[in-house]
Amino acid sequence: MERREAVKSLALVSGHVLFPSVLATFVAGCSNRDMSGYRPVFFTDKEYKAITEIIDLIIPATTTASASQVNTQVFLDQLFSQCMTGEQQQLVRDGLSQLLPQLDKAKDKAAFLAETDKKTFAKDESLAWFKTIKKFTLVGFFTSREGTTRASHYVKVPDGYKGEIKVDSHTLNYGKTSLHF
């Protein structure tokens, strides 16, 4: 498979036949219990530690839990091991092997990751794997109990339809977002 085809296919992970199963397992189990003893299946221990750090830079703890506090790293590990082809997995591994030394050297890791994010969404094909990690970090977090009930405007029993909603800089999920996905 050509590199270009492999990069394009990274976006197809969510169309994989096992994706709903992995997501359902995550929603039902991982987000509600202590996963500190979890042994990664896809990532090496070093990569797993780095992914945990990266996802906490993408979604840090604020008034809500961070991405790693709801076990999004477990979701990513299971998703990548069960729903990616060998070529897709290799692209992620290669990307991480290039990024991790630079991330370790960075004085401001958040700024470094923000710059990587800019390059990713400026169509830098060598960073397509990062877009996949970011996308599924968002999926993992916002399908967790914390993401659904506290980080967004969750309404257990919805009321009437509101065609127009006034937004301001404090409006969650309905207004502008600085997240790219």
C-alpha atoms as a PDB file:
ATOM      1  CA  MET A   1       0.000   0.000   0.000  1.00  0.00           C
ATOM      2  CA  GLU A   2       1.290   3.449  -0.879  1.00  0.00           C
ATOM      3  CA  ARG A   3       1.855   5.913   1.930  1.00  0.00           C
ATOM      4  CA  ARG A   4      -0.801   8.269   0.542  1.00  0.00           C
ATOM      5  CA  GLU A   5      -3.406   5.494   0.559  1.00  0.00           C
ATOM      6  CA  ALA A   6      -2.431   4.501   4.099  1.00  0.00           C
ATOM      7  CA  VAL A   7      -2.754   8.109   5.282  1.00  0.00           C
ATOM      8  CA  LYS A   8      -6.205   8.378   3.708  1.00  0.00           C
ATOM      9  CA  SER A   9      -7.258   5.094   5.254  1.00  0.00           C
ATOM     10  CA  LEU A  10      -6.496   6.355   8.777  1.00  0.00           C
ATOM     11  CA  ALA A  11      -9.721   8.305   8.563  1.00  0.00           C
ATOM     12  CA  LEU A  12     -11.631   5.095   7.915  1.00  0.00           C
ATOM     13  CA  VAL A  13     -10.912   3.556  11.327  1.00  0.00           C
ATOM     14  CA  SER A  14     -14.308   4.611  12.653  1.00  0.00           C
ATOM     15  CA  GLY A  15     -15.929   2.710   9.788  1.00  0.00           C
ATOM     16  CA  HIS A  16     -14.290  -0.525  10.903  1.00  0.00           C
ATOM     17  CA  VAL A  17     -16.659  -3.329  11.824  1.00  0.00           C
ATOM     18  CA  LEU A  18     -15.226  -3.571  15.384  1.00  0.00           C
ATOM     19  CA  PHE A  19     -15.389   0.167  16.126  1.00  0.00           C
ATOM     20  CA  PRO A  20     -18.903   0.069  17.654  1.00  0.00           C
ATOM     21  CA  SER A  21     -17.873  -2.866  19.840  1.00  0.00           C
ATOM     22  CA  VAL A  22     -14.739  -1.106  21.100  1.00  0.00           C
ATOM     23  CA  LEU A  23     -16.686   2.099  21.751  1.00  0.00           C
ATOM     24  CA  ALA A  24     -19.487   0.250  23.562  1.00  0.00           C
ATOM     25  CA  THR A  25     -16.982  -1.609  25.738  1.00  0.00           C
ATOM     26  CA  PHE A  26     -15.268   1.667  26.617  1.00  0.00           C
ATOM     27  CA  VAL A  27     -18.499   3.456  27.428  1.00  0.00           C
ATOM     28  CA  ALA A  28     -19.768   0.559  29.539  1.00  0.00           C
ATOM     29  CA  GLY A  29     -16.604  -0.275  31.428  1.00  0.00           C
ATOM     30  CA  CYS A  30     -13.378   1.675  31.279  1.00  0.00           C
ATOM     31  CA  SER A  31     -14.708   5.123  31.984  1.00  0.00           C
ATOM     32  CA  ASN A  32     -16.236   4.080  35.298  1.00  0.00           C
ATOM     33  CA  ARG A  33     -13.411   2.214  37.010  1.00  0.00           C
ATOM     34  CA  ASP A  34      -9.783   2.436  38.007  1.00  0.00           C
ATOM     35  CA  MET A  35      -7.621   1.344  35.082  1.00  0.00           C
ATOM     36  CA  SER A  36      -4.231   2.103  36.648  1.00  0.00           C
ATOM     37  CA  GLY A  37      -3.213  -1.562  36.310  1.00  0.00           C
ATOM     38  CA  TYR A  38      -4.117  -1.739  32.619  1.00  0.00           C
ATOM     39  CA  ARG A  39      -1.444  -3.292  30.392  1.00  0.00           C
ATOM     40  CA  PRO A  40      -1.428  -1.783  26.883  1.00  0.00           C
ATOM     41  CA  VAL A  41      -2.027  -4.090  23.937  1.00  0.00           C
ATOM     42  CA  PHE A  42      -1.058  -1.827  21.029  1.00  0.00           C
ATOM     43  CA  PHE A  43       1.299   0.704  22.598  1.00  0.00           C
ATOM     44  CA  THR A  44       4.595  -0.077  24.262  1.00  0.00           C
ATOM     45  CA  ASP A  45       4.834   1.070  27.885  1.00  0.00           C
ATOM     46  CA  LYS A  46       6.833   4.134  26.796  1.00  0.00           C
ATOM     47  CA  GLU A  47       4.331   4.998  24.041  1.00  0.00           C
ATOM     48  CA  TYR A  48       1.417   4.464  26.427  1.00  0.00           C
ATOM     49  CA  LYS A  49       2.923   6.879  28.941  1.00  0.00           C
ATOM     50  CA  ALA A  50       3.530   9.419  26.142  1.00  0.00           C
ATOM     51  CA  ILE A  51      -0.004   9.024  24.756  1.00  0.00           C
ATOM     52  CA  THR A  52      -1.361   9.648  28.243  1.00  0.00           C
ATOM     53  CA  GLU A  53       0.663  12.871  28.401  1.00  0.00           C
ATOM     54  CA  ILE A  54      -0.386  13.924  24.885  1.00  0.00           C
ATOM     55  CA  ILE A  55      -4.108  13.405  25.470  1.00  0.00           C
ATOM     56  CA  ASP A  56      -3.875  15.385  28.709  1.00  0.00           C
ATOM     57  CA  LEU A  57      -2.393  18.246  26.700  1.00  0.00           C
ATOM     58  CA  ILE A  58      -5.275  17.946  24.210  1.00  0.00           C
ATOM     59  CA  ILE A  59      -7.950  17.792  26.949  1.00  0.00           C
ATOM     60  CA  PRO A  60      -6.452  18.969  30.252  1.00  0.00           C
ATOM     61  CA  ALA A  61      -8.183  18.868  33.611  1.00  0.00           C
ATOM     62  CA  THR A  62     -10.224  22.005  34.220  1.00  0.00           C
ATOM     63  CA  THR A  63     -13.516  22.014  36.070  1.00  0.00           C
ATOM     64  CA  THR A  64     -13.895  18.562  34.493  1.00  0.00           C
ATOM     65  CA  ALA A  65     -11.539  15.592  34.445  1.00  0.00           C
ATOM     66  CA  SER A  66      -8.731  15.332  31.918  1.00  0.00           C
ATOM     67  CA  ALA A  67      -8.751  12.833  29.059  1.00  0.00           C
ATOM     68  CA  SER A  68      -6.551  10.365  30.935  1.00  0.00           C
ATOM     69  CA  GLN A  69      -8.672  10.609  34.081  1.00  0.00           C
ATOM     70  CA  VAL A  70     -11.573   9.084  32.110  1.00  0.00           C
ATOM     71  CA  ASN A  71      -9.235   6.440  30.622  1.00  0.00           C
ATOM     72  CA  THR A  72      -9.197   7.718  27.049  1.00  0.00           C
ATOM     73  CA  GLN A  73      -5.713   6.222  26.648  1.00  0.00           C
ATOM     74  CA  VAL A  74      -7.239   2.767  27.225  1.00  0.00           C
ATOM     75  CA  PHE A  75      -9.837   3.478  24.542  1.00  0.00           C
ATOM     76  CA  LEU A  76      -7.094   4.516  22.090  1.00  0.00           C
ATOM     77  CA  ASP A  77      -5.031   1.418  22.855  1.00  0.00           C
ATOM     78  CA  GLN A  78      -7.987  -0.909  22.295  1.00  0.00           C
ATOM     79  CA  LEU A  79      -9.176   0.950  19.215  1.00  0.00           C
ATOM     80  CA  PHE A  80      -5.766   0.973  17.534  1.00  0.00           C
ATOM     81  CA  SER A  81      -5.125  -2.697  18.298  1.00  0.00           C
ATOM     82  CA  GLN A  82      -8.527  -3.944  17.119  1.00  0.00           C
ATOM     83  CA  CYS A  83      -9.632  -1.582  14.343  1.00  0.00           C
ATOM     84  CA  MET A  84      -6.484  -0.593  12.440  1.00  0.00           C
ATOM     85  CA  THR A  85      -4.742  -2.458   9.682  1.00  0.00           C
ATOM     86  CA  GLY A  86      -1.058  -3.267   9.996  1.00  0.00           C
ATOM     87  CA  GLU A  87      -0.140  -0.341   7.718  1.00  0.00           C
ATOM     88  CA  GLN A  88      -2.228   2.087   9.759  1.00  0.00           C
ATOM     89  CA  GLN A  89      -0.706   0.821  12.986  1.00  0.00           C
ATOM     90  CA  GLN A  90       2.777   1.255  11.528  1.00  0.00           C
ATOM     91  CA  LEU A  91       2.010   4.872  10.530  1.00  0.00           C
ATOM     92  CA  VAL A  92       0.985   5.649  14.114  1.00  0.00           C
ATOM     93  CA  ARG A  93       4.072   3.915  15.514  1.00  0.00           C
ATOM     94  CA  ASP A  94       6.384   5.723  13.071  1.00  0.00           C
ATOM     95  CA  GLY A  95       4.754   9.061  13.872  1.00  0.00           C
ATOM     96  CA  LEU A  96       5.093   8.520  17.607  1.00  0.00           C
ATOM     97  CA  SER A  97       8.740   7.498  17.247  1.00  0.00           C
ATOM     98  CA  GLN A  98       9.434  10.816  15.487  1.00  0.00           C
ATOM     99  CA  LEU A  99       7.337  12.942  17.840  1.00  0.00           C
ATOM    100  CA  LEU A 100       8.373  11.575  21.237  1.00  0.00           C
ATOM    101  CA  PRO A 101      12.026  12.725  21.207  1.00  0.00           C
ATOM    102  CA  GLN A 102      10.930  16.209  20.125  1.00  0.00           C
ATOM    103  CA  LEU A 103       8.198  16.290  22.780  1.00  0.00           C
ATOM    104  CA  ASP A 104      10.676  15.262  25.476  1.00  0.00           C
ATOM    105  CA  LYS A 105      13.043  18.095  24.455  1.00  0.00           C
ATOM    106  CA  ALA A 106      10.316  20.736  24.213  1.00  0.00           C
ATOM    107  CA  LYS A 107      10.421  23.367  26.950  1.00  0.00           C
ATOM    108  CA  ASP A 108       6.716  24.129  26.555  1.00  0.00           C
ATOM    109  CA  LYS A 109       4.991  20.866  25.629  1.00  0.00           C
ATOM    110  CA  ALA A 110       1.590  22.487  25.151  1.00  0.00           C
ATOM    111  CA  ALA A 111       3.036  25.010  22.674  1.00  0.00           C
ATOM    112  CA  PHE A 112       4.927  22.243  20.870  1.00  0.00           C
ATOM    113  CA  LEU A 113       1.752  20.185  20.544  1.00  0.00           C
ATOM    114  CA  ALA A 114      -0.195  23.260  19.382  1.00  0.00           C
ATOM    115  CA  GLU A 115       2.395  23.785  16.641  1.00  0.00           C
ATOM    116  CA  THR A 116       2.166  20.117  15.663  1.00  0.00           C
ATOM    117  CA  ASP A 117      -1.609  20.514  15.535  1.00  0.00           C
ATOM    118  CA  LYS A 118      -1.308  23.548  13.235  1.00  0.00           C
ATOM    119  CA  LYS A 119       0.951  21.620  10.866  1.00  0.00           C
ATOM    120  CA  THR A 120      -1.416  18.659  10.925  1.00  0.00           C
ATOM    121  CA  PHE A 121      -4.389  20.735   9.841  1.00  0.00           C
ATOM    122  CA  ALA A 122      -2.279  22.598   7.285  1.00  0.00           C
ATOM    123  CA  LYS A 123      -2.355  19.336   5.325  1.00  0.00           C
ATOM    124  CA  ASP A 124       1.074  18.031   6.369  1.00  0.00           C
ATOM    125  CA  GLU A 125       0.652  14.379   5.357  1.00  0.00           C
ATOM    126  CA  SER A 126       3.501  13.249   7.571  1.00  0.00           C
ATOM    127  CA  LEU A 127       1.336  14.176  10.589  1.00  0.00           C
ATOM    128  CA  ALA A 128      -1.924  12.490   9.517  1.00  0.00           C
ATOM    129  CA  TRP A 129      -1.469   9.983  12.328  1.00  0.00           C
ATOM    130  CA  PHE A 130      -1.688  12.857  14.856  1.00  0.00           C
ATOM    131  CA  LYS A 131      -5.076  13.875  13.484  1.00  0.00           C
ATOM    132  CA  THR A 132      -6.255  10.307  14.126  1.00  0.00           C
ATOM    133  CA  ILE A 133      -5.011  10.388  17.718  1.00  0.00           C
ATOM    134  CA  LYS A 134      -6.642  13.760  18.348  1.00  0.00           C
ATOM    135  CA  LYS A 135      -9.913  12.748  16.716  1.00  0.00           C
ATOM    136  CA  PHE A 136     -10.261   9.597  18.783  1.00  0.00           C
ATOM    137  CA  THR A 137      -9.132  11.370  21.943  1.00  0.00           C
ATOM    138  CA  LEU A 138     -12.149  13.643  21.467  1.00  0.00           C
ATOM    139  CA  VAL A 139     -14.413  10.663  20.724  1.00  0.00           C
ATOM    140  CA  GLY A 140     -13.139   8.804  23.788  1.00  0.00           C
ATOM    141  CA  PHE A 141     -13.500  11.777  26.110  1.00  0.00           C
ATOM    142  CA  PHE A 142     -16.900  12.992  24.909  1.00  0.00           C
ATOM    143  CA  THR A 143     -18.400   9.494  25.030  1.00  0.00           C
ATOM    144  CA  SER A 144     -17.286   9.045  28.635  1.00  0.00           C
ATOM    145  CA  ARG A 145     -19.640   9.893  31.482  1.00  0.00           C
ATOM    146  CA  GLU A 146     -17.545  12.969  32.335  1.00  0.00           C
ATOM    147  CA  GLY A 147     -17.506  14.246  28.766  1.00  0.00           C
ATOM    148  CA  THR A 148     -21.187  13.612  28.205  1.00  0.00           C
ATOM    149  CA  THR A 149     -22.584  14.949  31.451  1.00  0.00           C
ATOM    150  CA  ARG A 150     -20.142  17.608  32.629  1.00  0.00           C
ATOM    151  CA  ALA A 151     -18.143  18.901  29.660  1.00  0.00           C
ATOM    152  CA  SER A 152     -21.043  19.410  27.287  1.00  0.00           C
ATOM    153  CA  HIS A 153     -24.586  20.618  27.664  1.00  0.00           C
ATOM    154  CA  TYR A 154     -26.101  17.275  28.552  1.00  0.00           C
ATOM    155  CA  VAL A 155     -29.819  17.307  29.167  1.00  0.00           C
ATOM    156  CA  LYS A 156     -31.124  14.027  30.594  1.00  0.00           C
ATOM    157  CA  VAL A 157     -34.687  14.767  29.528  1.00  0.00           C
ATOM    158  CA  PRO A 158     -34.667  17.164  26.598  1.00  0.00           C
ATOM    159  CA  ASP A 159     -37.297  19.850  26.451  1.00  0.00           C
ATOM    160  CA  GLY A 160     -38.709  21.595  23.411  1.00  0.00           C
ATOM    161  CA  TYR A 161     -36.800  22.331  20.241  1.00  0.00           C
ATOM    162  CA  LYS A 162     -34.852  25.597  20.286  1.00  0.00           C
ATOM    163  CA  GLY A 163     -34.192  26.768  16.762  1.00  0.00           C
ATOM    164  CA  GLU A 164     -31.901  29.617  17.687  1.00  0.00           C
ATOM    165  CA  ILE A 165     -29.567  29.602  20.640  1.00  0.00           C
ATOM    166  CA  LYS A 166     -27.693  32.739  21.590  1.00  0.00           C
ATOM    167  CA  VAL A 167     -24.009  32.004  21.982  1.00  0.00           C
ATOM    168  CA  ASP A 168     -21.158  33.787  23.637  1.00  0.00           C
ATOM    169  CA  SER A 169     -17.574  32.966  24.558  1.00  0.00           C
ATOM    170  CA  HIS A 170     -18.762  30.733  27.435  1.00  0.00           C
ATOM    171  CA  THR A 171     -21.169  28.583  25.419  1.00  0.00           C
ATOM    172  CA  LEU A 172     -20.090  24.937  25.268  1.00  0.00           C
ATOM    173  CA  ASN A 173     -20.601  22.782  22.163  1.00  0.00           C
ATOM    174  CA  TYR A 174     -22.911  25.275  20.485  1.00  0.00           C
ATOM    175  CA  GLY A 175     -20.461  28.053  19.735  1.00  0.00           C
ATOM    176  CA  LYS A 176     -17.053  28.451  18.210  1.00  0.00           C
ATOM    177  CA  THR A 177     -14.382  25.976  19.138  1.00  0.00           C
ATOM    178  CA  SER A 178     -10.646  26.118  18.795  1.00  0.00           C
ATOM    179  CA  LEU A 179     -10.520  22.340  18.392  1.00  0.00           C
ATOM    180  CA  HIS A 180      -9.875  21.007  14.922  1.00  0.00           C
ATOM    181  CA  PHE A 181     -11.225  17.608  14.011  1.00  0.00           C
END
